[in-house]
Amino acid sequence: MLQIRDNALESARQVSNRLLEGTLGLQFYRLNLKIYPFHILRENALASGAGADRFSTGMAHSFGTPIGIAAQVKKGQTIFQVDTDEKNVLLAKKALNRAASKLPCSCIIEITKNA
């Protein structure tokens, strides 16, 4: 299980969408983000300085301040999907490669042909 923060997903979406929209136009592709960041990331601020070890009690239950949200992704799960014509497949692959460079994981681009 991997957690991908929402700002990494948004950055990947923007960089791939910019390439596709600038080259193809809005009518010749559809970019789908298949995951959503539901998981709330929390942190418990710990005291520092002299005698701080007596005050820090750890993080019990889900208490802590929210610091962001992330999507939990399993191995092999689809993150992005691009639907386009057969002649634009190489451009879509290039856009997904750019999006993959923004994500904190290794990604595989799979090309499927729909009948």
Protein backbone atom coordinates (compact mmCIF):
# COMPACT_ATOMS: atom_id res chain seq x y z
CA MET A 1 0.00 0.00 0.00
CA LEU A 2 1.31 3.40 -1.01
CA GLN A 3 0.09 6.84 -0.04
CA ILE A 4 0.17 9.56 -2.70
CA ARG A 5 -0.54 13.07 -1.46
CA ASP A 6 -3.14 15.22 -3.15
CA ASN A 7 -0.63 17.83 -4.31
CA ALA A 8 1.40 15.14 -6.13
CA LEU A 9 -1.74 13.88 -7.86
CA GLU A 10 -2.75 17.39 -8.87
CA SER A 11 0.72 18.16 -10.20
CA ALA A 12 0.74 14.96 -12.26
CA ARG A 13 -2.74 15.71 -13.61
CA GLN A 14 -1.81 19.26 -14.60
CA VAL A 15 1.40 18.36 -16.41
CA SER A 16 -0.24 15.61 -18.48
CA ASN A 17 -3.39 17.63 -19.16
CA ARG A 18 -1.34 20.62 -20.34
CA LEU A 19 0.50 18.52 -22.93
CA LEU A 20 -2.64 16.80 -24.19
CA GLU A 21 -4.76 19.95 -24.32
CA GLY A 22 -2.08 22.03 -26.01
CA THR A 23 -1.41 19.43 -28.70
CA LEU A 24 -4.75 17.69 -29.29
CA GLY A 25 -7.37 20.13 -28.09
CA LEU A 26 -10.21 19.37 -25.70
CA GLN A 27 -12.27 17.20 -28.05
CA PHE A 28 -9.78 14.44 -28.88
CA TYR A 29 -8.89 12.95 -25.49
CA ARG A 30 -10.29 12.22 -22.04
CA LEU A 31 -8.01 12.13 -19.00
CA ASN A 32 -9.38 10.28 -15.99
CA LEU A 33 -7.96 10.30 -12.47
CA LYS A 34 -9.08 6.94 -11.09
CA ILE A 35 -8.24 7.46 -7.40
CA TYR A 36 -9.32 10.02 -4.83
CA PRO A 37 -7.42 11.19 -1.71
CA PHE A 38 -9.70 10.17 1.15
CA HIS A 39 -7.07 9.38 3.80
CA ILE A 40 -6.38 12.20 6.27
CA LEU A 41 -2.74 12.57 7.30
CA ARG A 42 -2.24 13.66 10.89
CA GLU A 43 0.68 14.73 13.03
CA ASN A 44 1.07 15.12 16.76
CA ALA A 45 3.37 18.05 17.50
CA LEU A 46 5.84 17.00 20.15
CA ALA A 47 7.50 19.27 22.66
CA SER A 48 11.20 19.90 22.32
CA GLY A 49 13.73 21.23 24.75
CA ALA A 50 14.68 20.42 28.33
CA GLY A 51 12.31 17.96 30.01
CA ALA A 52 10.35 17.30 26.83
CA ASP A 53 10.44 13.55 27.37
CA ARG A 54 8.06 13.89 30.32
CA PHE A 55 5.43 15.68 28.21
CA SER A 56 5.40 13.61 25.04
CA THR A 57 2.84 10.83 25.32
CA GLY A 58 2.86 9.65 21.73
CA MET A 59 -0.11 9.65 19.43
CA ALA A 60 -3.04 7.78 20.88
CA HIS A 61 -5.96 6.90 18.58
CA SER A 62 -6.52 9.36 15.73
CA PHE A 63 -5.76 12.51 17.67
CA GLY A 64 -3.48 15.01 16.03
CA THR A 65 -3.79 17.93 13.71
CA PRO A 66 -4.60 17.19 10.07
CA ILE A 67 -1.68 18.13 7.83
CA GLY A 68 -3.00 16.92 4.48
CA ILE A 69 -4.84 14.21 2.58
CA ALA A 70 -3.58 11.29 0.55
CA ALA A 71 -4.86 8.52 -1.68
CA GLN A 72 -4.02 4.97 -0.65
CA VAL A 73 -2.98 3.01 -3.73
CA LYS A 74 -2.44 -0.73 -4.00
CA LYS A 75 0.12 -2.34 -6.28
CA GLY A 76 -1.25 -2.68 -9.81
CA GLN A 77 -4.06 -0.17 -9.28
CA THR A 78 -4.80 2.26 -12.11
CA ILE A 79 -4.06 5.90 -11.27
CA PHE A 80 -4.59 7.69 -14.61
CA GLN A 81 -6.47 6.66 -17.72
CA VAL A 82 -6.34 8.42 -21.08
CA ASP A 83 -8.91 7.65 -23.77
CA THR A 84 -7.91 8.81 -27.25
CA ASP A 85 -7.73 7.79 -30.91
CA GLU A 86 -5.24 5.23 -32.14
CA LYS A 87 -3.14 7.87 -33.89
CA ASN A 88 -2.63 9.82 -30.63
CA VAL A 89 -1.44 6.89 -28.49
CA LEU A 90 2.22 7.95 -28.52
CA LEU A 91 1.33 11.45 -27.32
CA ALA A 92 -0.87 10.01 -24.56
CA LYS A 93 2.01 7.75 -23.51
CA LYS A 94 4.33 10.77 -23.39
CA ALA A 95 1.80 12.65 -21.23
CA LEU A 96 1.51 9.69 -18.84
CA ASN A 97 5.31 9.46 -18.62
CA ARG A 98 5.40 13.09 -17.53
CA ALA A 99 2.70 12.42 -14.96
CA ALA A 100 4.59 9.37 -13.66
CA SER A 101 7.65 11.52 -12.98
CA LYS A 102 5.59 13.59 -10.52
CA LEU A 103 4.44 10.56 -8.50
CA PRO A 104 6.46 8.99 -5.65
CA CYS A 105 6.33 5.48 -7.13
CA SER A 106 7.36 3.50 -10.16
CA CYS A 107 4.60 3.38 -12.75
CA ILE A 108 3.81 1.10 -15.67
CA ILE A 109 2.00 2.45 -18.72
CA GLU A 110 -0.33 -0.13 -20.19
CA ILE A 111 -1.92 0.36 -23.60
CA THR A 112 -5.22 -1.40 -24.24
CA LYS A 113 -7.30 -1.30 -27.38
CA ASN A 114 -11.07 -1.15 -27.04
CA ALA A 115 -13.22 -2.61 -29.80
